[in-house]
Amino acid sequence: MVRDYYAEATAIAESAASVGLHDLSRRLQDAIGEGFTSTDILMRIRSVLMASATSLSPYSDLHARSQALLNGIDEALG
C-alpha cells in the first residue's frame, strides 16, 4: 500500500483548524499548494510540522499523527 503523505498532511491541517490552530492549518495547505516537486512539498510539510511541535503538544492525537507523518517523510527522503 502506498502512503499518501499529502492526504495525511491535509487531514492534520483540517484537525489543526478544528482546534483553533489556523496558522498551522494554513501553512500546511500552503506547503502542499506551493511546492513544485514531491521532494519540495515533503520538505515543506516537514519544516512546518517541525516548527509546530510546541503548539501541537497539547493535542496528543494531533501531535502523534504529526510525528508519524514526520517519521514517514524522514524515511521516504532518507
PDB file of N, CA and C in Angstrom:
ATOM      1  N   MET A   1       0.843  -1.178   0.000  1.00  0.00           N
ATOM      2  CA  MET A   1       0.000   0.000   0.000  1.00  0.00           C
ATOM      3  C   MET A   1       0.893   1.248   0.000  1.00  0.00           C
ATOM      4  N   VAL A   2       0.564   2.197  -0.837  1.00  0.00           N
ATOM      5  CA  VAL A   2       1.320   3.428  -0.971  1.00  0.00           C
ATOM      6  C   VAL A   2       0.791   4.445   0.043  1.00  0.00           C
ATOM      7  N   ARG A   3       1.705   5.097   0.700  1.00  0.00           N
ATOM      8  CA  ARG A   3       1.332   6.097   1.699  1.00  0.00           C
ATOM      9  C   ARG A   3       1.043   7.427   1.005  1.00  0.00           C
ATOM     10  N   ASP A   4      -0.051   8.063   1.366  1.00  0.00           N
ATOM     11  CA  ASP A   4      -0.433   9.349   0.786  1.00  0.00           C
ATOM     12  C   ASP A   4      -0.083  10.464   1.781  1.00  0.00           C
ATOM     13  N   TYR A   5       1.136  10.966   1.661  1.00  0.00           N
ATOM     14  CA  TYR A   5       1.631  11.989   2.570  1.00  0.00           C
ATOM     15  C   TYR A   5       0.806  13.272   2.491  1.00  0.00           C
ATOM     16  N   TYR A   6       0.382  13.616   1.282  1.00  0.00           N
ATOM     17  CA  TYR A   6      -0.397  14.842   1.121  1.00  0.00           C
ATOM     18  C   TYR A   6      -1.747  14.720   1.822  1.00  0.00           C
ATOM     19  N   ALA A   7      -2.386  13.572   1.702  1.00  0.00           N
ATOM     20  CA  ALA A   7      -3.676  13.360   2.367  1.00  0.00           C
ATOM     21  C   ALA A   7      -3.508  13.409   3.884  1.00  0.00           C
ATOM     22  N   GLU A   8      -2.423  12.831   4.381  1.00  0.00           N
ATOM     23  CA  GLU A   8      -2.162  12.887   5.824  1.00  0.00           C
ATOM     24  C   GLU A   8      -1.955  14.326   6.272  1.00  0.00           C
ATOM     25  N   ALA A   9      -1.181  15.087   5.515  1.00  0.00           N
ATOM     26  CA  ALA A   9      -0.931  16.483   5.869  1.00  0.00           C
ATOM     27  C   ALA A   9      -2.219  17.300   5.796  1.00  0.00           C
ATOM     28  N   THR A  10      -3.042  17.023   4.801  1.00  0.00           N
ATOM     29  CA  THR A  10      -4.323  17.714   4.675  1.00  0.00           C
ATOM     30  C   THR A  10      -5.229  17.391   5.856  1.00  0.00           C
ATOM     31  N   ALA A  11      -5.261  16.140   6.270  1.00  0.00           N
ATOM     32  CA  ALA A  11      -6.075  15.743   7.421  1.00  0.00           C
ATOM     33  C   ALA A  11      -5.570  16.416   8.700  1.00  0.00           C
ATOM     34  N   ILE A  12      -4.258  16.504   8.846  1.00  0.00           N
ATOM     35  CA  ILE A  12      -3.692  17.199  10.013  1.00  0.00           C
ATOM     36  C   ILE A  12      -4.064  18.676   9.957  1.00  0.00           C
ATOM     37  N   ALA A  13      -4.006  19.271   8.773  1.00  0.00           N
ATOM     38  CA  ALA A  13      -4.386  20.680   8.610  1.00  0.00           C
ATOM     39  C   ALA A  13      -5.841  20.895   9.016  1.00  0.00           C
ATOM     40  N   GLU A  14      -6.719  20.004   8.600  1.00  0.00           N
ATOM     41  CA  GLU A  14      -8.134  20.119   8.958  1.00  0.00           C
ATOM     42  C   GLU A  14      -8.335  19.973  10.457  1.00  0.00           C
ATOM     43  N   SER A  15      -7.641  19.019  11.067  1.00  0.00           N
ATOM     44  CA  SER A  15      -7.742  18.826  12.515  1.00  0.00           C
ATOM     45  C   SER A  15      -7.177  20.021  13.267  1.00  0.00           C
ATOM     46  N   ALA A  16      -6.083  20.565  12.767  1.00  0.00           N
ATOM     47  CA  ALA A  16      -5.482  21.744  13.399  1.00  0.00           C
ATOM     48  C   ALA A  16      -6.462  22.914  13.374  1.00  0.00           C
ATOM     49  N   ALA A  17      -7.112  23.115  12.248  1.00  0.00           N
ATOM     50  CA  ALA A  17      -8.100  24.198  12.144  1.00  0.00           C
ATOM     51  C   ALA A  17      -9.249  23.980  13.114  1.00  0.00           C
ATOM     52  N   SER A  18      -9.649  22.730  13.288  1.00  0.00           N
ATOM     53  CA  SER A  18     -10.795  22.446  14.170  1.00  0.00           C
ATOM     54  C   SER A  18     -10.496  22.707  15.642  1.00  0.00           C
ATOM     55  N   VAL A  19      -9.207  22.742  16.015  1.00  0.00           N
ATOM     56  CA  VAL A  19      -8.851  23.050  17.409  1.00  0.00           C
ATOM     57  C   VAL A  19      -8.303  24.468  17.542  1.00  0.00           C
ATOM     58  N   GLY A  20      -8.434  25.264  16.490  1.00  0.00           N
ATOM     59  CA  GLY A  20      -8.050  26.662  16.553  1.00  0.00           C
ATOM     60  C   GLY A  20      -6.631  26.974  16.109  1.00  0.00           C
ATOM     61  N   LEU A  21      -5.916  25.989  15.576  1.00  0.00           N
ATOM     62  CA  LEU A  21      -4.552  26.220  15.081  1.00  0.00           C
ATOM     63  C   LEU A  21      -4.613  26.586  13.600  1.00  0.00           C
ATOM     64  N   HIS A  22      -5.231  27.722  13.319  1.00  0.00           N
ATOM     65  CA  HIS A  22      -5.486  28.135  11.941  1.00  0.00           C
ATOM     66  C   HIS A  22      -4.204  28.454  11.180  1.00  0.00           C
ATOM     67  N   ASP A  23      -3.214  29.023  11.860  1.00  0.00           N
ATOM     68  CA  ASP A  23      -1.958  29.337  11.186  1.00  0.00           C
ATOM     69  C   ASP A  23      -1.257  28.058  10.723  1.00  0.00           C
ATOM     70  N   LEU A  24      -1.218  27.060  11.576  1.00  0.00           N
ATOM     71  CA  LEU A  24      -0.629  25.770  11.201  1.00  0.00           C
ATOM     72  C   LEU A  24      -1.387  25.167  10.027  1.00  0.00           C
ATOM     73  N   SER A  25      -2.693  25.201  10.098  1.00  0.00           N
ATOM     74  CA  SER A  25      -3.517  24.668   9.019  1.00  0.00           C
ATOM     75  C   SER A  25      -3.192  25.352   7.696  1.00  0.00           C
ATOM     76  N   ARG A  26      -3.131  26.659   7.715  1.00  0.00           N
ATOM     77  CA  ARG A  26      -2.842  27.420   6.501  1.00  0.00           C
ATOM     78  C   ARG A  26      -1.446  27.113   5.977  1.00  0.00           C
ATOM     79  N   ARG A  27      -0.459  27.028   6.879  1.00  0.00           N
ATOM     80  CA  ARG A  27       0.908  26.762   6.437  1.00  0.00           C
ATOM     81  C   ARG A  27       1.039  25.374   5.815  1.00  0.00           C
ATOM     82  N   LEU A  28       0.337  24.381   6.361  1.00  0.00           N
ATOM     83  CA  LEU A  28       0.366  23.043   5.754  1.00  0.00           C
ATOM     84  C   LEU A  28      -0.291  23.061   4.375  1.00  0.00           C
ATOM     85  N   GLN A  29      -1.416  23.726   4.269  1.00  0.00           N
ATOM     86  CA  GLN A  29      -2.092  23.811   2.971  1.00  0.00           C
ATOM     87  C   GLN A  29      -1.231  24.543   1.952  1.00  0.00           C
ATOM     88  N   ASP A  30      -0.562  25.600   2.401  1.00  0.00           N
ATOM     89  CA  ASP A  30       0.341  26.337   1.505  1.00  0.00           C
ATOM     90  C   ASP A  30       1.511  25.467   1.071  1.00  0.00           C
ATOM     91  N   ALA A  31       2.043  24.669   1.994  1.00  0.00           N
ATOM     92  CA  ALA A  31       3.178  23.791   1.669  1.00  0.00           C
ATOM     93  C   ALA A  31       2.803  22.839   0.540  1.00  0.00           C
ATOM     94  N   ILE A  32       1.603  22.316   0.592  1.00  0.00           N
ATOM     95  CA  ILE A  32       1.147  21.388  -0.443  1.00  0.00           C
ATOM     96  C   ILE A  32       0.868  22.134  -1.747  1.00  0.00           C
ATOM     97  N   GLY A  33       0.217  23.273  -1.647  1.00  0.00           N
ATOM     98  CA  GLY A  33      -0.184  24.003  -2.842  1.00  0.00           C
ATOM     99  C   GLY A  33       0.927  24.753  -3.548  1.00  0.00           C
ATOM    100  N   GLU A  34       1.965  25.128  -2.814  1.00  0.00           N
ATOM    101  CA  GLU A  34       3.011  25.960  -3.391  1.00  0.00           C
ATOM    102  C   GLU A  34       4.277  25.204  -3.784  1.00  0.00           C
ATOM    103  N   GLY A  35       4.358  23.929  -3.421  1.00  0.00           N
ATOM    104  CA  GLY A  35       5.542  23.155  -3.758  1.00  0.00           C
ATOM    105  C   GLY A  35       5.592  22.832  -5.238  1.00  0.00           C
ATOM    106  N   PHE A  36       6.814  22.601  -5.732  1.00  0.00           N
ATOM    107  CA  PHE A  36       6.991  22.327  -7.159  1.00  0.00           C
ATOM    108  C   PHE A  36       7.175  20.842  -7.457  1.00  0.00           C
ATOM    109  N   THR A  37       7.895  20.153  -6.600  1.00  0.00           N
ATOM    110  CA  THR A  37       8.148  18.725  -6.800  1.00  0.00           C
ATOM    111  C   THR A  37       7.708  17.972  -5.556  1.00  0.00           C
ATOM    112  N   SER A  38       7.625  16.671  -5.665  1.00  0.00           N
ATOM    113  CA  SER A  38       7.244  15.862  -4.500  1.00  0.00           C
ATOM    114  C   SER A  38       8.208  16.079  -3.346  1.00  0.00           C
ATOM    115  N   THR A  39       9.500  16.096  -3.648  1.00  0.00           N
ATOM    116  CA  THR A  39      10.502  16.301  -2.602  1.00  0.00           C
ATOM    117  C   THR A  39      10.343  17.675  -1.974  1.00  0.00           C
ATOM    118  N   ASP A  40      10.129  18.682  -2.782  1.00  0.00           N
ATOM    119  CA  ASP A  40       9.934  20.038  -2.284  1.00  0.00           C
ATOM    120  C   ASP A  40       8.731  20.098  -1.347  1.00  0.00           C
ATOM    121  N   ILE A  41       7.637  19.501  -1.748  1.00  0.00           N
ATOM    122  CA  ILE A  41       6.418  19.514  -0.935  1.00  0.00           C
ATOM    123  C   ILE A  41       6.644  18.778   0.382  1.00  0.00           C
ATOM    124  N   LEU A  42       7.266  17.612   0.316  1.00  0.00           N
ATOM    125  CA  LEU A  42       7.532  16.871   1.556  1.00  0.00           C
ATOM    126  C   LEU A  42       8.455  17.649   2.484  1.00  0.00           C
ATOM    127  N   MET A  43       9.455  18.305   1.937  1.00  0.00           N
ATOM    128  CA  MET A  43      10.357  19.115   2.768  1.00  0.00           C
ATOM    129  C   MET A  43       9.612  20.289   3.389  1.00  0.00           C
ATOM    130  N   ARG A  44       8.705  20.888   2.648  1.00  0.00           N
ATOM    131  CA  ARG A  44       7.902  21.995   3.189  1.00  0.00           C
ATOM    132  C   ARG A  44       6.990  21.500   4.313  1.00  0.00           C
ATOM    133  N   ILE A  45       6.323  20.369   4.094  1.00  0.00           N
ATOM    134  CA  ILE A  45       5.458  19.795   5.130  1.00  0.00           C
ATOM    135  C   ILE A  45       6.287  19.491   6.371  1.00  0.00           C
ATOM    136  N   ARG A  46       7.439  18.879   6.158  1.00  0.00           N
ATOM    137  CA  ARG A  46       8.331  18.529   7.270  1.00  0.00           C
ATOM    138  C   ARG A  46       8.727  19.772   8.054  1.00  0.00           C
ATOM    139  N   SER A  47       9.101  20.814   7.366  1.00  0.00           N
ATOM    140  CA  SER A  47       9.506  22.061   8.005  1.00  0.00           C
ATOM    141  C   SER A  47       8.383  22.656   8.848  1.00  0.00           C
ATOM    142  N   VAL A  48       7.186  22.683   8.302  1.00  0.00           N
ATOM    143  CA  VAL A  48       6.031  23.226   9.025  1.00  0.00           C
ATOM    144  C   VAL A  48       5.763  22.405  10.282  1.00  0.00           C
ATOM    145  N   LEU A  49       5.754  21.092  10.149  1.00  0.00           N
ATOM    146  CA  LEU A  49       5.459  20.237  11.296  1.00  0.00           C
ATOM    147  C   LEU A  49       6.540  20.335  12.369  1.00  0.00           C
ATOM    148  N   MET A  50       7.792  20.409  11.960  1.00  0.00           N
ATOM    149  CA  MET A  50       8.870  20.524  12.936  1.00  0.00           C
ATOM    150  C   MET A  50       8.769  21.849  13.692  1.00  0.00           C
ATOM    151  N   ALA A  51       8.434  22.915  12.996  1.00  0.00           N
ATOM    152  CA  ALA A  51       8.310  24.229  13.622  1.00  0.00           C
ATOM    153  C   ALA A  51       7.077  24.323  14.518  1.00  0.00           C
ATOM    154  N   SER A  52       6.141  23.402  14.356  1.00  0.00           N
ATOM    155  CA  SER A  52       4.881  23.449  15.096  1.00  0.00           C
ATOM    156  C   SER A  52       4.810  22.457  16.252  1.00  0.00           C
ATOM    157  N   ALA A  53       5.894  21.791  16.548  1.00  0.00           N
ATOM    158  CA  ALA A  53       5.881  20.750  17.585  1.00  0.00           C
ATOM    159  C   ALA A  53       5.365  21.278  18.915  1.00  0.00           C
ATOM    160  N   THR A  54       5.770  22.468  19.309  1.00  0.00           N
ATOM    161  CA  THR A  54       5.349  23.033  20.590  1.00  0.00           C
ATOM    162  C   THR A  54       3.853  23.319  20.599  1.00  0.00           C
ATOM    163  N   SER A  55       3.341  23.898  19.532  1.00  0.00           N
ATOM    164  CA  SER A  55       1.911  24.222  19.501  1.00  0.00           C
ATOM    165  C   SER A  55       1.043  22.975  19.404  1.00  0.00           C
ATOM    166  N   LEU A  56       1.609  21.868  18.896  1.00  0.00           N
ATOM    167  CA  LEU A  56       0.845  20.620  18.789  1.00  0.00           C
ATOM    168  C   LEU A  56       0.871  19.796  20.070  1.00  0.00           C
ATOM    169  N   SER A  57       1.823  20.043  20.940  1.00  0.00           N
ATOM    170  CA  SER A  57       1.993  19.184  22.111  1.00  0.00           C
ATOM    171  C   SER A  57       0.762  19.074  23.020  1.00  0.00           C
ATOM    172  N   PRO A  58      -0.079  20.108  23.165  1.00  0.00           N
ATOM    173  CA  PRO A  58      -1.282  19.927  24.000  1.00  0.00           C
ATOM    174  C   PRO A  58      -2.343  19.006  23.382  1.00  0.00           C
ATOM    175  N   TYR A  59      -2.209  18.700  22.118  1.00  0.00           N
ATOM    176  CA  TYR A  59      -3.199  17.897  21.393  1.00  0.00           C
ATOM    177  C   TYR A  59      -2.561  16.547  21.066  1.00  0.00           C
ATOM    178  N   SER A  60      -2.704  15.593  21.971  1.00  0.00           N
ATOM    179  CA  SER A  60      -1.944  14.336  21.877  1.00  0.00           C
ATOM    180  C   SER A  60      -2.190  13.583  20.565  1.00  0.00           C
ATOM    181  N   ASP A  61      -3.423  13.485  20.112  1.00  0.00           N
ATOM    182  CA  ASP A  61      -3.696  12.764  18.865  1.00  0.00           C
ATOM    183  C   ASP A  61      -3.078  13.489  17.679  1.00  0.00           C
ATOM    184  N   LEU A  62      -3.261  14.774  17.630  1.00  0.00           N
ATOM    185  CA  LEU A  62      -2.721  15.583  16.539  1.00  0.00           C
ATOM    186  C   LEU A  62      -1.193  15.547  16.561  1.00  0.00           C
ATOM    187  N   HIS A  63      -0.621  15.617  17.739  1.00  0.00           N
ATOM    188  CA  HIS A  63       0.837  15.548  17.879  1.00  0.00           C
ATOM    189  C   HIS A  63       1.351  14.186  17.403  1.00  0.00           C
ATOM    190  N   ALA A  64       0.674  13.108  17.791  1.00  0.00           N
ATOM    191  CA  ALA A  64       1.091  11.757  17.389  1.00  0.00           C
ATOM    192  C   ALA A  64       0.994  11.581  15.876  1.00  0.00           C
ATOM    193  N   ARG A  65      -0.073  12.081  15.278  1.00  0.00           N
ATOM    194  CA  ARG A  65      -0.229  11.988  13.818  1.00  0.00           C
ATOM    195  C   ARG A  65       0.851  12.796  13.104  1.00  0.00           C
ATOM    196  N   SER A  66       1.161  13.945  13.672  1.00  0.00           N
ATOM    197  CA  SER A  66       2.219  14.781  13.111  1.00  0.00           C
ATOM    198  C   SER A  66       3.574  14.074  13.186  1.00  0.00           C
ATOM    199  N   GLN A  67       3.857  13.471  14.318  1.00  0.00           N
ATOM    200  CA  GLN A  67       5.126  12.751  14.490  1.00  0.00           C
ATOM    201  C   GLN A  67       5.201  11.553  13.541  1.00  0.00           C
ATOM    202  N   ALA A  68       4.097  10.849  13.382  1.00  0.00           N
ATOM    203  CA  ALA A  68       4.072   9.702  12.471  1.00  0.00           C
ATOM    204  C   ALA A  68       4.338  10.153  11.034  1.00  0.00           C
ATOM    205  N   LEU A  69       3.747  11.283  10.646  1.00  0.00           N
ATOM    206  CA  LEU A  69       3.984  11.805   9.306  1.00  0.00           C
ATOM    207  C   LEU A  69       5.435  12.262   9.153  1.00  0.00           C
ATOM    208  N   LEU A  70       5.977  12.926  10.153  1.00  0.00           N
ATOM    209  CA  LEU A  70       7.378  13.333  10.119  1.00  0.00           C
ATOM    210  C   LEU A  70       8.290  12.129   9.954  1.00  0.00           C
ATOM    211  N   ASN A  71       8.031  11.067  10.720  1.00  0.00           N
ATOM    212  CA  ASN A  71       8.838   9.848  10.622  1.00  0.00           C
ATOM    213  C   ASN A  71       8.753   9.245   9.223  1.00  0.00           C
ATOM    214  N   GLY A  72       7.553   9.235   8.668  1.00  0.00           N
ATOM    215  CA  GLY A  72       7.369   8.702   7.311  1.00  0.00           C
ATOM    216  C   GLY A  72       8.099   9.526   6.274  1.00  0.00           C
ATOM    217  N   ILE A  73       8.032  10.841   6.413  1.00  0.00           N
ATOM    218  CA  ILE A  73       8.724  11.729   5.471  1.00  0.00           C
ATOM    219  C   ILE A  73      10.226  11.523   5.590  1.00  0.00           C
ATOM    220  N   ASP A  74      10.731  11.458   6.816  1.00  0.00           N
ATOM    221  CA  ASP A  74      12.168  11.231   7.015  1.00  0.00           C
ATOM    222  C   ASP A  74      12.606   9.923   6.373  1.00  0.00           C
ATOM    223  N   GLU A  75      11.784   8.898   6.517  1.00  0.00           N
ATOM    224  CA  GLU A  75      12.107   7.595   5.929  1.00  0.00           C
ATOM    225  C   GLU A  75      12.087   7.670   4.397  1.00  0.00           C
ATOM    226  N   ALA A  76      11.089   8.353   3.867  1.00  0.00           N
ATOM    227  CA  ALA A  76      10.970   8.463   2.410  1.00  0.00           C
ATOM    228  C   ALA A  76      12.111   9.274   1.799  1.00  0.00           C
ATOM    229  N   LEU A  77      12.540  10.297   2.506  1.00  0.00           N
ATOM    230  CA  LEU A  77      13.585  11.168   1.975  1.00  0.00           C
ATOM    231  C   LEU A  77      14.989  10.703   2.323  1.00  0.00           C
ATOM    232  N   GLY A  78      15.063   9.780   3.292  1.00  0.00           N
ATOM    233  CA  GLY A  78      16.374   9.320   3.781  1.00  0.00           C
ATOM    234  C   GLY A  78      17.044   8.458   2.833  1.00  0.00           C
TER     235      GLY A  78
END
